[in-house]
Amino acid sequence: MVKKVAIIGAGISGLASIRSCLEEGLEPTCFEKGEDVGGLWKFSDHAEEGRASIYQSVFTNSSKEMTCFPDFPFPDDFPNFMHNSKLQEYITAFAKEKNLLRYIQLKTLVSSVNKRPDFSVTGQWDIITEKDGKKESAVFDAVMICSGHHVYPNLPKESFQGLQLFKGKCFHSWDYKEPGVFKGKRVLVIGLGNSGCDIASELSHTAEQVIVSSRSGSWVMSRVWHGGYPWDMMFITRFETFLNNNLPTVISDWWYVKQMNARFKHENYGLMPLNG
């Protein structure tokens, strides 16, 4: 008997999971809360509860050469680093080309996942879904959670003493969409990760003043590396991995810091990571 697999989420991981199940002779059913595939990369002009959220200007941090499915390369005329709309276009094309859409139920919320009473014997799960106000229940032999880890924002307001007295607006990057509403305002961006850097840079052209607060500093690097090659093609290689695994830590750390400081010395800008 063919094993039935429930897949929650039709983003990149969900689509890859559908295909893997088919290759292994399994019967996948993918449930997607939204109205289209793409997951994180399906842009919406407003944040939606229970869904990952990106801002309008998001570009990929990894190049198309290192991001594509092995047998489905990006079109030649796509840029090395893509705007979210181009990646969404690619994801949709992949789903259609590999005939995956037939296994996906859109606008369907998975509201419950529970082990069956005889789980210890069968290993099966009860899945309850909701669509158009109607609930349905189905039994599956396995469940794959592909809803991503950027769904719920982490906003530790309790860590900021006196925040309740602040009269301005306080929110997570999950809610950020575009810079226009910050025209003429003074903005504090807390955190120097990918989103923090992106948003601070974008706001600097619109806001009156932008201040970035970083607890531990950060390495700031260009998407384009030596010779004009994408950074990940230069760093994520067998040779680099070999060096990291075999050189003494003090030497590999020195080499890493040297490369990170190749364009500018982070110490001069107060950006040197504390653990660097």
C-alpha atoms as a PDB file:
ATOM      1  CA  MET A   1       0.000   0.000   0.000  1.00  0.00           C
ATOM      2  CA  VAL A   2       1.318   3.451  -0.964  1.00  0.00           C
ATOM      3  CA  LYS A   3       2.205   5.597   2.041  1.00  0.00           C
ATOM      4  CA  LYS A   4       0.417   8.952   2.252  1.00  0.00           C
ATOM      5  CA  VAL A   5       2.409  12.013   3.301  1.00  0.00           C
ATOM      6  CA  ALA A   6       0.980  15.369   4.427  1.00  0.00           C
ATOM      7  CA  ILE A   7       3.207  18.352   3.607  1.00  0.00           C
ATOM      8  CA  ILE A   8       2.462  21.646   5.349  1.00  0.00           C
ATOM      9  CA  GLY A   9       3.574  24.650   3.308  1.00  0.00           C
ATOM     10  CA  ALA A  10       4.185  25.124  -0.417  1.00  0.00           C
ATOM     11  CA  GLY A  11       7.334  27.195  -0.314  1.00  0.00           C
ATOM     12  CA  ILE A  12      10.686  25.999  -1.662  1.00  0.00           C
ATOM     13  CA  SER A  13      10.996  23.293   1.014  1.00  0.00           C
ATOM     14  CA  GLY A  14       7.432  22.153   0.475  1.00  0.00           C
ATOM     15  CA  LEU A  15       7.890  21.843  -3.276  1.00  0.00           C
ATOM     16  CA  ALA A  16      11.173  19.966  -2.841  1.00  0.00           C
ATOM     17  CA  SER A  17       9.426  17.642  -0.381  1.00  0.00           C
ATOM     18  CA  ILE A  18       6.594  16.906  -2.821  1.00  0.00           C
ATOM     19  CA  ARG A  19       9.100  15.983  -5.467  1.00  0.00           C
ATOM     20  CA  SER A  20      11.158  13.820  -3.114  1.00  0.00           C
ATOM     21  CA  CYS A  21       8.036  11.937  -2.049  1.00  0.00           C
ATOM     22  CA  LEU A  22       7.130  11.246  -5.670  1.00  0.00           C
ATOM     23  CA  GLU A  23      10.645  10.018  -6.395  1.00  0.00           C
ATOM     24  CA  GLU A  24      10.326   7.572  -3.479  1.00  0.00           C
ATOM     25  CA  GLY A  25       6.942   6.251  -4.590  1.00  0.00           C
ATOM     26  CA  LEU A  26       4.977   8.033  -1.863  1.00  0.00           C
ATOM     27  CA  GLU A  27       1.664   9.880  -2.213  1.00  0.00           C
ATOM     28  CA  PRO A  28       2.062  13.519  -1.126  1.00  0.00           C
ATOM     29  CA  THR A  29      -0.655  16.056  -0.352  1.00  0.00           C
ATOM     30  CA  CYS A  30       0.565  19.590   0.280  1.00  0.00           C
ATOM     31  CA  PHE A  31      -1.550  22.092   2.209  1.00  0.00           C
ATOM     32  CA  GLU A  32      -0.835  25.791   1.654  1.00  0.00           C
ATOM     33  CA  LYS A  33      -2.555  28.505   3.678  1.00  0.00           C
ATOM     34  CA  GLY A  34      -1.973  31.178   1.025  1.00  0.00           C
ATOM     35  CA  GLU A  35      -3.364  31.573  -2.442  1.00  0.00           C
ATOM     36  CA  ASP A  36      -0.158  30.653  -4.259  1.00  0.00           C
ATOM     37  CA  VAL A  37       3.076  28.709  -3.917  1.00  0.00           C
ATOM     38  CA  GLY A  38       6.288  30.467  -2.874  1.00  0.00           C
ATOM     39  CA  GLY A  39       6.014  30.707   0.896  1.00  0.00           C
ATOM     40  CA  LEU A  40       8.408  33.361   2.179  1.00  0.00           C
ATOM     41  CA  TRP A  41       9.016  34.693  -1.335  1.00  0.00           C
ATOM     42  CA  LYS A  42       5.363  35.398  -2.122  1.00  0.00           C
ATOM     43  CA  PHE A  43       5.310  39.120  -1.343  1.00  0.00           C
ATOM     44  CA  SER A  44       2.275  40.737   0.261  1.00  0.00           C
ATOM     45  CA  ASP A  45       1.909  44.452   0.951  1.00  0.00           C
ATOM     46  CA  HIS A  46       0.736  43.665   4.483  1.00  0.00           C
ATOM     47  CA  ALA A  47       1.891  41.244   7.160  1.00  0.00           C
ATOM     48  CA  GLU A  48      -0.397  38.257   7.688  1.00  0.00           C
ATOM     49  CA  GLU A  49      -0.670  36.341  10.945  1.00  0.00           C
ATOM     50  CA  GLY A  50       0.889  32.888  10.671  1.00  0.00           C
ATOM     51  CA  ARG A  51       2.787  33.666   7.466  1.00  0.00           C
ATOM     52  CA  ALA A  52       6.376  34.698   6.801  1.00  0.00           C
ATOM     53  CA  SER A  53       6.726  38.316   5.717  1.00  0.00           C
ATOM     54  CA  ILE A  54       9.248  40.132   3.533  1.00  0.00           C
ATOM     55  CA  TYR A  55       9.635  43.791   2.601  1.00  0.00           C
ATOM     56  CA  GLN A  56       9.191  45.095  -0.912  1.00  0.00           C
ATOM     57  CA  SER A  57      12.887  45.581  -1.697  1.00  0.00           C
ATOM     58  CA  VAL A  58      14.196  42.165  -0.575  1.00  0.00           C
ATOM     59  CA  PHE A  59      16.907  40.625  -2.751  1.00  0.00           C
ATOM     60  CA  THR A  60      18.440  37.184  -2.287  1.00  0.00           C
ATOM     61  CA  ASN A  61      21.687  36.810  -0.329  1.00  0.00           C
ATOM     62  CA  SER A  62      22.637  33.690  -2.251  1.00  0.00           C
ATOM     63  CA  SER A  63      23.341  33.656  -5.974  1.00  0.00           C
ATOM     64  CA  LYS A  64      21.243  31.928  -8.603  1.00  0.00           C
ATOM     65  CA  GLU A  65      24.147  29.572  -9.330  1.00  0.00           C
ATOM     66  CA  MET A  66      24.054  28.285  -5.739  1.00  0.00           C
ATOM     67  CA  THR A  67      20.292  28.510  -5.173  1.00  0.00           C
ATOM     68  CA  CYS A  68      18.676  26.672  -8.067  1.00  0.00           C
ATOM     69  CA  PHE A  69      17.295  23.144  -8.094  1.00  0.00           C
ATOM     70  CA  PRO A  70      19.936  20.842  -9.661  1.00  0.00           C
ATOM     71  CA  ASP A  71      17.917  20.034 -12.788  1.00  0.00           C
ATOM     72  CA  PHE A  72      16.137  23.373 -13.131  1.00  0.00           C
ATOM     73  CA  PRO A  73      18.629  26.241 -13.542  1.00  0.00           C
ATOM     74  CA  PHE A  74      17.556  29.858 -13.506  1.00  0.00           C
ATOM     75  CA  PRO A  75      17.069  31.516 -16.925  1.00  0.00           C
ATOM     76  CA  ASP A  76      20.256  33.059 -18.290  1.00  0.00           C
ATOM     77  CA  ASP A  77      18.763  36.550 -18.264  1.00  0.00           C
ATOM     78  CA  PHE A  78      18.007  36.435 -14.523  1.00  0.00           C
ATOM     79  CA  PRO A  79      20.493  38.454 -12.403  1.00  0.00           C
ATOM     80  CA  ASN A  80      22.940  36.672 -10.077  1.00  0.00           C
ATOM     81  CA  PHE A  81      21.108  38.072  -7.061  1.00  0.00           C
ATOM     82  CA  MET A  82      17.378  38.365  -7.544  1.00  0.00           C
ATOM     83  CA  HIS A  83      14.594  40.585  -6.371  1.00  0.00           C
ATOM     84  CA  ASN A  84      11.946  38.576  -4.539  1.00  0.00           C
ATOM     85  CA  SER A  85       9.605  38.843  -7.530  1.00  0.00           C
ATOM     86  CA  LYS A  86      12.118  37.049  -9.773  1.00  0.00           C
ATOM     87  CA  LEU A  87      12.632  34.234  -7.288  1.00  0.00           C
ATOM     88  CA  GLN A  88       8.860  33.871  -6.952  1.00  0.00           C
ATOM     89  CA  GLU A  89       8.667  33.663 -10.739  1.00  0.00           C
ATOM     90  CA  TYR A  90      11.259  30.881 -10.704  1.00  0.00           C
ATOM     91  CA  ILE A  91       9.488  28.950  -7.933  1.00  0.00           C
ATOM     92  CA  THR A  92       6.176  29.108  -9.808  1.00  0.00           C
ATOM     93  CA  ALA A  93       7.843  27.960 -13.030  1.00  0.00           C
ATOM     94  CA  PHE A  94       9.475  25.041 -11.199  1.00  0.00           C
ATOM     95  CA  ALA A  95       6.156  23.911  -9.706  1.00  0.00           C
ATOM     96  CA  LYS A  96       4.497  23.988 -13.139  1.00  0.00           C
ATOM     97  CA  GLU A  97       7.386  22.372 -15.012  1.00  0.00           C
ATOM     98  CA  LYS A  98       7.611  19.463 -12.545  1.00  0.00           C
ATOM     99  CA  ASN A  99       3.808  19.062 -12.426  1.00  0.00           C
ATOM    100  CA  LEU A 100       3.664  19.641  -8.658  1.00  0.00           C
ATOM    101  CA  LEU A 101       0.581  21.872  -8.514  1.00  0.00           C
ATOM    102  CA  ARG A 102      -1.753  18.893  -8.745  1.00  0.00           C
ATOM    103  CA  TYR A 103      -0.588  17.788  -5.299  1.00  0.00           C
ATOM    104  CA  ILE A 104      -1.180  21.171  -3.628  1.00  0.00           C
ATOM    105  CA  GLN A 105      -4.353  22.387  -1.925  1.00  0.00           C
ATOM    106  CA  LEU A 106      -4.216  26.195  -1.808  1.00  0.00           C
ATOM    107  CA  LYS A 107      -6.085  28.427   0.677  1.00  0.00           C
ATOM    108  CA  THR A 108      -6.123  25.474   3.047  1.00  0.00           C
ATOM    109  CA  LEU A 109      -5.168  25.883   6.697  1.00  0.00           C
ATOM    110  CA  VAL A 110      -3.876  22.933   8.698  1.00  0.00           C
ATOM    111  CA  SER A 111      -5.502  23.522  12.080  1.00  0.00           C
ATOM    112  CA  SER A 112      -4.592  20.298  13.838  1.00  0.00           C
ATOM    113  CA  VAL A 113      -1.983  17.525  13.651  1.00  0.00           C
ATOM    114  CA  ASN A 114      -2.401  14.674  16.116  1.00  0.00           C
ATOM    115  CA  LYS A 115      -1.199  11.138  16.557  1.00  0.00           C
ATOM    116  CA  ARG A 116      -3.928   8.562  15.998  1.00  0.00           C
ATOM    117  CA  PRO A 117      -5.000   6.384  18.951  1.00  0.00           C
ATOM    118  CA  ASP A 118      -3.184   3.434  17.340  1.00  0.00           C
ATOM    119  CA  PHE A 119      -0.074   5.483  16.510  1.00  0.00           C
ATOM    120  CA  SER A 120       2.256   3.113  18.377  1.00  0.00           C
ATOM    121  CA  VAL A 121       1.237   0.394  15.898  1.00  0.00           C
ATOM    122  CA  THR A 122       0.484   2.270  12.660  1.00  0.00           C
ATOM    123  CA  GLY A 123       2.559   5.459  13.027  1.00  0.00           C
ATOM    124  CA  GLN A 124      -0.335   7.379  11.461  1.00  0.00           C
ATOM    125  CA  TRP A 125      -1.556  10.944  11.996  1.00  0.00           C
ATOM    126  CA  ASP A 126      -4.925  12.701  11.982  1.00  0.00           C
ATOM    127  CA  ILE A 127      -4.816  15.972  10.028  1.00  0.00           C
ATOM    128  CA  ILE A 128      -7.639  18.511  10.254  1.00  0.00           C
ATOM    129  CA  THR A 129      -7.762  21.215   7.592  1.00  0.00           C
ATOM    130  CA  GLU A 130      -9.983  24.252   7.032  1.00  0.00           C
ATOM    131  CA  LYS A 131     -10.975  25.748   3.678  1.00  0.00           C
ATOM    132  CA  ASP A 132     -13.814  28.176   2.943  1.00  0.00           C
ATOM    133  CA  GLY A 133     -15.129  27.684   6.456  1.00  0.00           C
ATOM    134  CA  LYS A 134     -15.338  23.910   6.104  1.00  0.00           C
ATOM    135  CA  LYS A 135     -13.302  21.432   8.123  1.00  0.00           C
ATOM    136  CA  GLU A 136     -12.033  18.129   6.803  1.00  0.00           C
ATOM    137  CA  SER A 137     -10.141  15.295   8.461  1.00  0.00           C
ATOM    138  CA  ALA A 138      -7.748  12.864   6.803  1.00  0.00           C
ATOM    139  CA  VAL A 139      -5.300  10.173   7.870  1.00  0.00           C
ATOM    140  CA  PHE A 140      -1.643  10.227   6.803  1.00  0.00           C
ATOM    141  CA  ASP A 141       1.291   7.912   7.339  1.00  0.00           C
ATOM    142  CA  ALA A 142       3.734  10.799   7.760  1.00  0.00           C
ATOM    143  CA  VAL A 143       3.801  14.582   8.144  1.00  0.00           C
ATOM    144  CA  MET A 144       6.409  17.010   6.840  1.00  0.00           C
ATOM    145  CA  ILE A 145       6.404  20.514   8.360  1.00  0.00           C
ATOM    146  CA  CYS A 146       7.623  22.972   5.710  1.00  0.00           C
ATOM    147  CA  SER A 147       6.170  26.202   7.057  1.00  0.00           C
ATOM    148  CA  GLY A 148       9.573  27.814   7.628  1.00  0.00           C
ATOM    149  CA  HIS A 149      11.175  29.468  10.656  1.00  0.00           C
ATOM    150  CA  HIS A 150      10.410  33.110   9.823  1.00  0.00           C
ATOM    151  CA  VAL A 151       6.677  32.892  10.531  1.00  0.00           C
ATOM    152  CA  TYR A 152       6.532  34.406  14.017  1.00  0.00           C
ATOM    153  CA  PRO A 153       8.506  37.568  14.909  1.00  0.00           C
ATOM    154  CA  ASN A 154      10.563  37.627  18.083  1.00  0.00           C
ATOM    155  CA  LEU A 155      10.044  41.005  19.738  1.00  0.00           C
ATOM    156  CA  PRO A 156      11.366  40.845  23.339  1.00  0.00           C
ATOM    157  CA  LYS A 157       9.801  44.075  24.591  1.00  0.00           C
ATOM    158  CA  GLU A 158      10.418  43.029  28.184  1.00  0.00           C
ATOM    159  CA  SER A 159      14.163  43.351  27.534  1.00  0.00           C
ATOM    160  CA  PHE A 160      13.874  47.109  26.917  1.00  0.00           C
ATOM    161  CA  GLN A 161      13.277  48.875  30.214  1.00  0.00           C
ATOM    162  CA  GLY A 162      10.985  51.879  29.915  1.00  0.00           C
ATOM    163  CA  LEU A 163       9.725  50.944  26.455  1.00  0.00           C
ATOM    164  CA  GLN A 164       6.129  51.385  27.639  1.00  0.00           C
ATOM    165  CA  LEU A 165       6.865  55.098  28.009  1.00  0.00           C
ATOM    166  CA  PHE A 166       8.096  55.445  24.425  1.00  0.00           C
ATOM    167  CA  LYS A 167       5.589  57.465  22.403  1.00  0.00           C
ATOM    168  CA  GLY A 168       6.841  56.409  19.007  1.00  0.00           C
ATOM    169  CA  LYS A 169       6.073  53.230  17.104  1.00  0.00           C
ATOM    170  CA  CYS A 170       7.888  50.012  18.031  1.00  0.00           C
ATOM    171  CA  PHE A 171       7.664  46.987  15.763  1.00  0.00           C
ATOM    172  CA  HIS A 172       9.543  44.014  14.301  1.00  0.00           C
ATOM    173  CA  SER A 173      11.063  43.877  10.814  1.00  0.00           C
ATOM    174  CA  TRP A 174       8.320  41.303  10.100  1.00  0.00           C
ATOM    175  CA  ASP A 175       5.934  44.287   9.864  1.00  0.00           C
ATOM    176  CA  TYR A 176       8.208  46.428   7.694  1.00  0.00           C
ATOM    177  CA  LYS A 177       7.197  46.795   4.038  1.00  0.00           C
ATOM    178  CA  GLU A 178       8.572  50.027   2.534  1.00  0.00           C
ATOM    179  CA  PRO A 179      10.399  53.210   3.647  1.00  0.00           C
ATOM    180  CA  GLY A 180       7.942  55.902   2.584  1.00  0.00           C
ATOM    181  CA  VAL A 181       6.079  56.087   5.894  1.00  0.00           C
ATOM    182  CA  PHE A 182       9.340  56.997   7.684  1.00  0.00           C
ATOM    183  CA  LYS A 183      10.000  60.182   5.735  1.00  0.00           C
ATOM    184  CA  GLY A 184      11.371  62.855   8.054  1.00  0.00           C
ATOM    185  CA  LYS A 185      11.446  60.568  11.092  1.00  0.00           C
ATOM    186  CA  ARG A 186      14.299  59.534  13.376  1.00  0.00           C
ATOM    187  CA  VAL A 187      14.646  55.755  13.396  1.00  0.00           C
ATOM    188  CA  LEU A 188      16.552  53.348  15.628  1.00  0.00           C
ATOM    189  CA  VAL A 189      17.229  49.943  14.054  1.00  0.00           C
ATOM    190  CA  ILE A 190      18.154  47.334  16.651  1.00  0.00           C
ATOM    191  CA  GLY A 191      20.209  44.498  15.217  1.00  0.00           C
ATOM    192  CA  LEU A 192      22.797  44.231  12.471  1.00  0.00           C
ATOM    193  CA  GLY A 193      21.697  41.043  10.743  1.00  0.00           C
ATOM    194  CA  ASN A 194      20.603  40.829   7.114  1.00  0.00           C
ATOM    195  CA  SER A 195      17.228  42.501   7.683  1.00  0.00           C
ATOM    196  CA  GLY A 196      18.681  45.173   9.970  1.00  0.00           C
ATOM    197  CA  CYS A 197      21.326  46.143   7.408  1.00  0.00           C
ATOM    198  CA  ASP A 198      18.843  46.152   4.537  1.00  0.00           C
ATOM    199  CA  ILE A 199      16.257  48.241   6.338  1.00  0.00           C
ATOM    200  CA  ALA A 200      18.747  50.726   7.811  1.00  0.00           C
ATOM    201  CA  SER A 201      20.328  51.252   4.402  1.00  0.00           C
ATOM    202  CA  GLU A 202      16.970  51.740   2.724  1.00  0.00           C
ATOM    203  CA  LEU A 203      15.683  54.112   5.402  1.00  0.00           C
ATOM    204  CA  SER A 204      18.833  56.246   5.203  1.00  0.00           C
ATOM    205  CA  HIS A 205      17.531  57.689   1.905  1.00  0.00           C
ATOM    206  CA  THR A 206      14.160  58.629   3.398  1.00  0.00           C
ATOM    207  CA  ALA A 207      14.296  59.138   7.153  1.00  0.00           C
ATOM    208  CA  GLU A 208      15.744  62.228   8.820  1.00  0.00           C
ATOM    209  CA  GLN A 209      18.203  60.112  10.799  1.00  0.00           C
ATOM    210  CA  VAL A 210      18.916  56.379  11.125  1.00  0.00           C
ATOM    211  CA  ILE A 211      20.864  54.904  14.041  1.00  0.00           C
ATOM    212  CA  VAL A 212      21.853  51.232  14.099  1.00  0.00           C
ATOM    213  CA  SER A 213      22.359  49.495  17.438  1.00  0.00           C
ATOM    214  CA  SER A 214      24.373  46.265  17.460  1.00  0.00           C
ATOM    215  CA  ARG A 215      25.091  44.212  20.574  1.00  0.00           C
ATOM    216  CA  SER A 216      28.085  42.343  19.159  1.00  0.00           C
ATOM    217  CA  GLY A 217      29.061  43.887  15.825  1.00  0.00           C
ATOM    218  CA  SER A 218      28.900  42.126  12.499  1.00  0.00           C
ATOM    219  CA  TRP A 219      30.865  41.289   9.383  1.00  0.00           C
ATOM    220  CA  VAL A 220      29.640  43.401   6.484  1.00  0.00           C
ATOM    221  CA  MET A 221      30.380  41.857   3.118  1.00  0.00           C
ATOM    222  CA  SER A 222      29.396  42.445  -0.479  1.00  0.00           C
ATOM    223  CA  ARG A 223      27.282  40.033  -2.481  1.00  0.00           C
ATOM    224  CA  VAL A 224      29.928  40.404  -5.195  1.00  0.00           C
ATOM    225  CA  TRP A 225      33.411  39.120  -4.328  1.00  0.00           C
ATOM    226  CA  HIS A 226      36.816  38.961  -6.021  1.00  0.00           C
ATOM    227  CA  GLY A 227      36.759  38.975  -9.804  1.00  0.00           C
ATOM    228  CA  GLY A 228      33.087  39.902  -9.811  1.00  0.00           C
ATOM    229  CA  TYR A 229      32.011  36.416  -8.743  1.00  0.00           C
ATOM    230  CA  PRO A 230      29.116  35.922  -6.294  1.00  0.00           C
ATOM    231  CA  TRP A 231      30.379  35.609  -2.717  1.00  0.00           C
ATOM    232  CA  ASP A 232      28.916  32.143  -2.145  1.00  0.00           C
ATOM    233  CA  MET A 233      30.655  30.694  -5.197  1.00  0.00           C
ATOM    234  CA  MET A 234      33.957  31.817  -3.660  1.00  0.00           C
ATOM    235  CA  PHE A 235      33.293  30.835  -0.030  1.00  0.00           C
ATOM    236  CA  ILE A 236      31.149  27.707  -0.191  1.00  0.00           C
ATOM    237  CA  THR A 237      33.642  25.404  -1.868  1.00  0.00           C
ATOM    238  CA  ARG A 238      35.263  22.076  -1.098  1.00  0.00           C
ATOM    239  CA  PHE A 239      38.620  23.819  -0.737  1.00  0.00           C
ATOM    240  CA  GLU A 240      37.318  26.346   1.813  1.00  0.00           C
ATOM    241  CA  THR A 241      35.644  23.531   3.746  1.00  0.00           C
ATOM    242  CA  PHE A 242      38.858  21.504   3.681  1.00  0.00           C
ATOM    243  CA  LEU A 243      40.821  24.437   5.096  1.00  0.00           C
ATOM    244  CA  ASN A 244      38.286  25.101   7.848  1.00  0.00           C
ATOM    245  CA  ASN A 245      38.251  21.443   8.875  1.00  0.00           C
ATOM    246  CA  ASN A 246      41.997  20.853   8.813  1.00  0.00           C
ATOM    247  CA  LEU A 247      43.812  24.070   9.680  1.00  0.00           C
ATOM    248  CA  PRO A 248      44.398  24.991  13.331  1.00  0.00           C
ATOM    249  CA  THR A 249      41.600  27.252  14.562  1.00  0.00           C
ATOM    250  CA  VAL A 250      43.931  30.210  15.090  1.00  0.00           C
ATOM    251  CA  ILE A 251      45.042  30.062  11.431  1.00  0.00           C
ATOM    252  CA  SER A 252      41.569  29.503   9.930  1.00  0.00           C
ATOM    253  CA  ASP A 253      40.196  32.365  12.065  1.00  0.00           C
ATOM    254  CA  TRP A 254      43.016  34.650  10.921  1.00  0.00           C
ATOM    255  CA  TRP A 255      42.310  33.776   7.275  1.00  0.00           C
ATOM    256  CA  TYR A 256      38.576  34.392   7.725  1.00  0.00           C
ATOM    257  CA  VAL A 257      39.109  37.794   9.370  1.00  0.00           C
ATOM    258  CA  LYS A 258      41.579  38.774   6.651  1.00  0.00           C
ATOM    259  CA  GLN A 259      38.989  38.046   3.960  1.00  0.00           C
ATOM    260  CA  MET A 260      36.218  39.879   5.806  1.00  0.00           C
ATOM    261  CA  ASN A 261      38.454  42.967   6.156  1.00  0.00           C
ATOM    262  CA  ALA A 262      39.537  42.892   2.512  1.00  0.00           C
ATOM    263  CA  ARG A 263      37.258  45.777   1.444  1.00  0.00           C
ATOM    264  CA  PHE A 264      37.452  47.864   4.616  1.00  0.00           C
ATOM    265  CA  LYS A 265      38.702  47.462   8.148  1.00  0.00           C
ATOM    266  CA  HIS A 266      35.671  46.831  10.335  1.00  0.00           C
ATOM    267  CA  GLU A 267      37.466  48.097  13.441  1.00  0.00           C
ATOM    268  CA  ASN A 268      37.636  51.589  11.952  1.00  0.00           C
ATOM    269  CA  TYR A 269      33.830  51.723  11.833  1.00  0.00           C
ATOM    270  CA  GLY A 270      33.111  50.132  15.202  1.00  0.00           C
ATOM    271  CA  LEU A 271      31.710  47.026  13.502  1.00  0.00           C
ATOM    272  CA  MET A 272      34.315  44.434  14.498  1.00  0.00           C
ATOM    273  CA  PRO A 273      32.392  41.452  15.976  1.00  0.00           C
ATOM    274  CA  LEU A 274      33.179  40.808  19.630  1.00  0.00           C
ATOM    275  CA  ASN A 275      33.872  37.178  18.838  1.00  0.00           C
ATOM    276  CA  GLY A 276      35.863  38.070  15.723  1.00  0.00           C
END
